[in-house]
């Protein structure tokens, strides 16, 4: 049986968070406002080292609840982008099958992922995050602590170690033998500048043109730019034959997969103006869990990586980070009890959303698409 980790005073608690994503940042913020210090170790050299992706719809029942617990809800509202929740589903001939106009007060308001991350970073003391610390190894010591080593030669020790380091977590192997598996879907992303004549058919929000095994998804941002995602159900090795360094030829090859589709839809691919970003979609087993292991746990994608087809990944990270922080605050004299309480709530919740996500994934690219996608949105 694992002995409890007992800290006689808050100042003695050494909480190490690996990864400065939404989950790790929310955790550190909740700890901070409750008087508990933590340190985040992030592999990237700075907060703006790379683009942070597109928009997130933040749900009232989990993501927003996490931001409330972090004391950031009002500042989050300042980031909400009006009109971004509009949705249109079309078939391969561009016939409109479903058209949902933007809501003036959406239940799932959209924000820019980078802006939300910046809000969380700025809410922490400047010395909370140690940039340029890529985890290379973790060793469990006989004392129950963990020795964590980084590629810059720094070695630290932690009483509590939280893996918030995403899909390919280096902390996860301490708890689980599970590895992310390719879902069968790969996203390829390009963009069109504001004013491009190719995108005049796209109004506000998201356009979804799907059928079994493939899709073209496009979103017009408030500044007029359009991000296009080409989704293909192909083995990962299929893409090895494409030279993505030659953008025009790569786009032409991808457009061949959409022969017979409306010209305005294929133009979204053929006329892409930025280099392609390739994103194979991976997921952990839907009911991923682990046995309680003293002094370590996971949050966010490290714990419950899933595809984006229910929009829950970031929301669960915000909720999980907040709930873990609250548990550590509630049981600060027995951190092991806090970790057990957190995981007891985490496992059934993440399993339920992973199941829903897998069903939605099938609706988008299964045999009944696009009608199944229309039914999905109509049900909401």
Foldseek 3Di string as FASTA:
>chain_A
DDDFDFDPDLVPAEEEEEALALLSLLLQLLLVVLPHAYAYEYQAQDLPSDADDFKFFAAPVFQLVLCVSSVCNVVVVVQFDFFAAWEWEAELARHTDDTGGTDPDDNGTMGGRSVVSVSSCVSDPVRRYDYNFAWDDWDQDPVRWIWTAGPVGDIDIHQAYEYAPAQQTPQLVVWDPWHWDFPQKKKKKFKDDAPDPLCPVDDAHKYWYFAAFWIWIWHQDPNRMIMIITMGRHPPVVCVVADLVPVQVNLVVSLVVSPPGHPSRSCCSNVGDDRMDMGGQIWTPLQDDGDQDGRYYYAANSGTRAGCLVSCRSSRSSRLSSQLSVLCSVPVRTNSRSVVVSRVVNRVVSSVVRVVSSVSVCCRRPRPPPVSVNVVVVVD
